[in-house]
Protein backbone atom coordinates (compact mmCIF):
# COMPACT_ATOMS: atom_id res chain seq x y z
CA MET A 1 -22.29 4.99 -17.70
CA ARG A 2 -25.56 4.02 -18.95
CA ILE A 3 -26.97 0.72 -17.57
CA GLN A 4 -27.69 -1.04 -20.90
CA LYS A 5 -23.61 -0.95 -21.91
CA TYR A 6 -22.67 -1.47 -18.26
CA ILE A 7 -24.60 -4.78 -18.62
CA SER A 8 -23.38 -5.54 -21.94
CA ASP A 9 -19.58 -4.88 -21.20
CA CYS A 10 -20.05 -7.04 -18.09
CA GLY A 11 -20.51 -10.00 -20.59
CA LEU A 12 -23.96 -11.02 -19.33
CA MET A 13 -25.62 -10.64 -22.47
CA SER A 14 -25.97 -7.65 -25.57
CA ARG A 15 -26.89 -4.41 -25.19
CA ARG A 16 -30.16 -4.89 -26.82
CA ALA A 17 -31.27 -7.51 -24.93
CA ALA A 18 -30.30 -5.75 -21.63
CA GLU A 19 -32.84 -3.40 -23.09
CA LYS A 20 -35.62 -5.88 -23.16
CA GLU A 21 -34.90 -6.92 -19.49
CA ILE A 22 -34.73 -3.82 -18.31
CA GLU A 23 -37.87 -2.84 -19.82
CA ILE A 24 -40.03 -5.93 -17.92
CA GLY A 25 -38.30 -4.65 -14.68
CA ASN A 26 -35.73 -7.24 -14.17
CA ARG A 27 -33.00 -5.14 -13.69
CA LYS A 28 -32.29 -2.48 -10.57
CA ILE A 29 -29.93 -0.07 -9.24
CA ASN A 30 -29.51 0.06 -5.28
CA GLY A 31 -32.86 -1.88 -5.21
CA GLU A 32 -34.78 0.17 -7.15
CA THR A 33 -36.08 -0.25 -10.94
CA ALA A 34 -33.88 0.47 -13.52
CA LEU A 35 -34.99 2.41 -16.63
CA ILE A 36 -33.37 2.29 -19.77
CA GLY A 37 -31.08 4.95 -20.52
CA GLN A 38 -30.33 5.62 -16.62
CA LYS A 39 -26.47 6.39 -15.77
CA ILE A 40 -24.48 4.60 -13.04
CA ASP A 41 -21.25 4.88 -11.48
CA PRO A 42 -19.62 1.28 -12.21
CA GLU A 43 -17.39 1.84 -8.83
CA ARG A 44 -20.35 3.05 -6.48
CA ASP A 45 -24.04 1.27 -7.82
CA ILE A 46 -24.94 -1.51 -7.43
CA VAL A 47 -26.77 -3.17 -10.11
CA THR A 48 -28.65 -6.72 -9.73
CA TYR A 49 -30.70 -8.89 -12.19
CA LYS A 50 -33.43 -11.17 -11.14
CA GLY A 51 -31.60 -10.58 -7.78
CA ARG A 52 -27.94 -11.40 -8.32
CA LYS A 53 -25.44 -8.67 -8.24
CA VAL A 54 -23.61 -7.91 -11.55
CA ARG A 55 -20.57 -8.05 -11.78
CA ALA A 56 -17.91 -6.08 -14.09
CA LYS A 57 -15.46 -8.40 -15.74
CA LYS A 58 -12.12 -7.97 -13.87
CA ALA A 59 -9.67 -5.47 -14.91
CA HIS A 60 -5.96 -5.12 -13.89
CA LYS A 61 -6.06 -2.88 -10.55
CA THR A 62 -3.00 -1.48 -8.99
CA TYR A 63 -2.17 -1.60 -5.07
CA ILE A 64 1.21 0.21 -4.02
CA MET A 65 2.15 0.79 0.23
CA LEU A 66 3.79 4.04 -0.02
CA ASN A 67 5.56 5.21 2.96
CA LYS A 68 4.71 8.53 3.17
CA PRO A 69 7.07 11.34 4.88
CA ARG A 70 6.13 14.27 7.45
CA GLY A 71 5.43 17.68 5.12
CA TYR A 72 3.02 16.07 2.58
CA VAL A 73 -0.51 16.23 2.45
CA THR A 74 -2.65 13.34 1.84
CA THR A 75 -3.79 14.41 -1.91
CA MET A 76 -3.63 14.21 -5.25
CA SER A 77 -3.01 17.88 -5.20
CA ASP A 78 -3.26 20.81 -3.28
CA GLU A 79 -5.24 24.46 -4.01
CA ARG A 80 -2.08 25.91 -1.40
CA GLY A 81 0.60 24.60 -3.03
CA ARG A 82 1.82 21.87 -0.66
CA LYS A 83 3.63 19.21 -1.66
CA CYS A 84 0.95 16.03 -1.96
CA VAL A 85 1.61 12.43 -2.07
CA SER A 86 0.97 12.44 -5.81
CA GLU A 87 4.73 14.01 -6.36
CA LEU A 88 6.07 10.46 -4.40
CA LEU A 89 3.82 8.31 -6.68
CA SER A 90 4.63 9.75 -10.08
CA ASP A 91 6.44 6.76 -11.67
CA VAL A 92 3.67 4.70 -10.86
CA ASP A 93 2.03 3.41 -14.22
CA SER A 94 -1.56 3.90 -12.96
CA ARG A 95 -3.45 6.64 -11.35
CA VAL A 96 -3.43 5.75 -8.36
CA TYR A 97 -5.24 7.84 -5.30
CA PRO A 98 -4.26 7.05 -1.56
CA VAL A 99 -6.92 4.85 0.66
CA GLY A 100 -8.23 7.05 3.91
CA ARG A 101 -5.56 9.66 5.39
CA LEU A 102 -2.38 10.61 7.11
CA ASP A 103 -2.11 14.08 8.14
CA MET A 104 0.24 16.54 7.10
CA TYR A 105 2.78 15.92 9.64
CA SER A 106 2.31 12.06 10.42
CA GLU A 107 3.98 9.71 8.22
CA GLY A 108 4.08 6.05 7.64
CA LEU A 109 2.23 3.10 5.77
CA LEU A 110 -0.44 4.54 3.16
CA LEU A 111 -2.18 2.33 0.81
CA CYS A 112 -3.01 3.68 -2.67
CA THR A 113 -5.07 2.03 -5.60
CA ASP A 114 -7.33 2.66 -8.28
CA ASP A 115 -10.00 0.01 -6.88
CA GLY A 116 -12.55 2.11 -5.84
CA GLU A 117 -14.66 -0.75 -4.17
CA LEU A 118 -11.62 -1.52 -2.21
CA THR A 119 -11.65 2.34 -1.57
CA ASN A 120 -14.94 2.17 -0.17
CA THR A 121 -14.73 -1.06 2.27
CA LEU A 122 -11.57 0.80 3.99
CA THR A 123 -12.95 3.57 4.58
CA HIS A 124 -16.23 2.71 5.15
CA PRO A 125 -16.99 3.82 9.44
CA SER A 126 -18.50 0.21 9.48
CA HIS A 127 -15.17 -1.01 8.49
CA GLU A 128 -12.87 -2.15 11.74
CA ILE A 129 -9.17 -3.40 10.12
CA VAL A 130 -7.21 -2.24 13.29
CA LYS A 131 -4.05 0.16 12.67
CA VAL A 132 -1.18 0.57 14.27
CA TYR A 133 0.60 3.52 15.22
CA LEU A 134 4.09 4.22 17.02
CA VAL A 135 3.68 7.68 18.67
CA ARG A 136 6.05 9.78 20.12
CA VAL A 137 5.15 12.01 22.54
CA LYS A 138 7.35 14.69 25.04
CA GLY A 139 8.43 13.49 28.77
CA THR A 140 7.06 10.64 30.88
CA VAL A 141 3.94 9.05 30.59
CA SER A 142 1.98 7.67 34.08
CA LYS A 143 -0.24 4.76 33.95
CA GLU A 144 -2.71 6.81 34.74
CA ILE A 145 -2.60 8.71 31.55
CA ILE A 146 -1.89 5.52 29.88
CA LYS A 147 -5.46 4.24 31.02
CA LYS A 148 -7.14 7.40 29.91
CA LEU A 149 -5.95 7.02 26.66
CA SER A 150 -7.38 3.68 26.39
CA SER A 151 -10.79 4.76 27.40
CA PRO A 152 -13.87 6.06 24.92
CA LEU A 153 -12.67 9.29 25.25
CA GLU A 154 -14.96 11.66 23.46
CA ILE A 155 -13.94 14.00 20.95
CA ASP A 156 -15.58 16.19 18.40
CA GLY A 157 -18.86 15.49 20.38
CA TYR A 158 -18.33 11.60 19.69
CA ILE A 159 -17.27 9.07 22.16
CA ILE A 160 -14.85 6.81 20.31
CA LYS A 161 -13.96 3.54 20.79
CA PRO A 162 -11.35 2.40 23.16
CA VAL A 163 -7.61 2.33 22.10
CA LYS A 164 -5.45 -0.26 23.11
CA VAL A 165 -2.03 1.80 24.08
CA THR A 166 0.85 -0.01 25.19
CA LYS A 167 4.10 1.84 26.34
CA MET A 168 7.26 0.81 24.15
CA SER A 169 10.09 3.15 25.71
CA GLU A 170 10.32 5.67 28.31
CA SER A 171 13.17 8.32 29.09
CA GLU A 172 13.36 11.81 30.48
CA ASP A 173 12.46 13.63 27.41
CA SER A 174 9.83 11.66 25.36
CA THR A 175 8.13 8.24 25.72
CA LEU A 176 7.36 5.93 22.76
CA LEU A 177 3.51 4.65 22.56
CA LYS A 178 2.14 2.08 20.31
CA MET A 179 -1.64 2.36 19.70
CA GLU A 180 -3.91 0.28 17.93
CA LEU A 181 -7.47 1.23 17.09
CA CYS A 182 -9.78 0.64 14.49
CA GLU A 183 -11.65 3.96 14.19
CA GLY A 184 -9.17 6.64 12.98
CA ARG A 185 -11.34 9.67 13.01
CA ASN A 186 -10.13 12.93 11.75
CA ARG A 187 -6.76 13.46 13.57
CA GLN A 188 -7.94 11.14 16.54
CA ILE A 189 -4.84 10.42 17.61
CA ARG A 190 -3.43 14.27 18.27
CA LYS A 191 -6.68 15.01 19.70
CA MET A 192 -6.62 12.23 22.22
CA CYS A 193 -3.18 12.90 23.09
CA GLU A 194 -4.27 17.19 23.77
CA LEU A 195 -6.93 15.78 25.64
CA CYS A 196 -4.63 14.05 27.93
CA GLU A 197 -2.16 16.95 27.83
CA LEU A 198 0.66 15.04 25.65
CA THR A 199 2.84 16.83 23.36
CA VAL A 200 3.01 14.72 20.18
CA ILE A 201 6.54 14.51 18.75
CA SER A 202 6.42 12.51 15.80
CA LEU A 203 3.30 9.78 14.53
CA LYS A 204 3.80 7.23 12.18
CA ARG A 205 1.50 4.15 11.06
CA ILE A 206 3.22 0.61 10.68
CA SER A 207 0.15 -1.59 10.28
CA GLU A 208 -2.86 -2.13 8.74
CA GLY A 209 -4.60 -4.98 9.14
CA GLN A 210 -2.24 -7.69 7.99
CA ILE A 211 -0.38 -5.41 5.65
CA MET A 212 2.88 -4.12 7.59
CA LEU A 213 5.10 -1.07 7.05
CA GLY A 214 8.27 -3.33 7.36
CA LYS A 215 11.88 -1.89 6.08
CA LEU A 216 10.15 0.06 3.42
CA GLN A 217 12.18 3.37 3.20
CA THR A 218 10.74 7.04 3.66
CA GLY A 219 9.40 8.33 0.85
CA MET A 220 9.36 5.33 -1.52
CA TRP A 221 6.76 2.91 -2.88
CA ARG A 222 6.26 -0.54 -3.91
CA TYR A 223 3.46 -3.15 -5.31
CA LEU A 224 1.98 -4.91 -2.67
CA THR A 225 2.23 -8.80 -2.87
CA ARG A 226 -0.03 -11.02 -4.18
CA GLU A 227 -0.99 -12.53 -0.47
CA GLU A 228 -1.14 -8.85 0.80
CA VAL A 229 -3.92 -8.09 -2.63
CA LYS A 230 -5.46 -11.34 -1.61
CA TYR A 231 -5.96 -10.66 1.81
CA LEU A 232 -7.71 -7.19 0.90
CA ARG A 233 -9.84 -8.27 -1.43
CA SER A 234 -10.92 -10.82 1.02
CA LEU A 235 -12.16 -7.72 3.16
CA VAL A 236 -14.54 -6.59 -0.08
CA GLU A 237 -15.98 -9.93 -0.46
CA SER A 238 -16.34 -10.55 3.37
CA ASP A 239 -18.79 -7.13 3.30
CA GLU A 240 -20.83 -8.15 0.41
CA ARG A 241 -21.97 -11.19 1.95
CA ASN A 242 -22.71 -9.23 4.83
């Protein structure tokens, strides 16, 4: 979208008036002086006028929670013909996209939205929202292994931040662990378990920040409540202030 149209759509002034302000250097895109006709991505670029951010008029956004089953990839389409979460969201009125990922063999809470600003906030490396997973592994797990899992392990050449690991239940056949982490790097939990010689039986995300999976059935979705949306939007506003 051309910058003068974006400014006009925001309701701040007419397109012609916006062009005049651009000519005298009062408009910037990502900190750089804007040019008439320059195109922007409203979801990613930051436009300012005399030092203040220009905000688009608020449009209705869709926020949902999906309980992703095993066997689905977290994409809207797949060139290999695998089942995609888009198939589970076909009856959603808006075209929403997953926020982050769960690997094909993991299940549980997956946020989906058409709010690009929120997606950028929640998936940015600097954002440290706590995500909680229930992980069932084969056999018993010693205190030493729990300690190792909770330490700053090295994965793919990167030292991860410590993860809070709690043993929930244990039998001769398997152990249920709760893992709380704020990074969520690619297949992080599975790679942590591999380093500790643990075999993962199942992996399920049950919460993301204050958003809880609750009793939502596998393969089903629901709209987030007003309170849940307010909480997520507060994270975006906090990032903007910082």
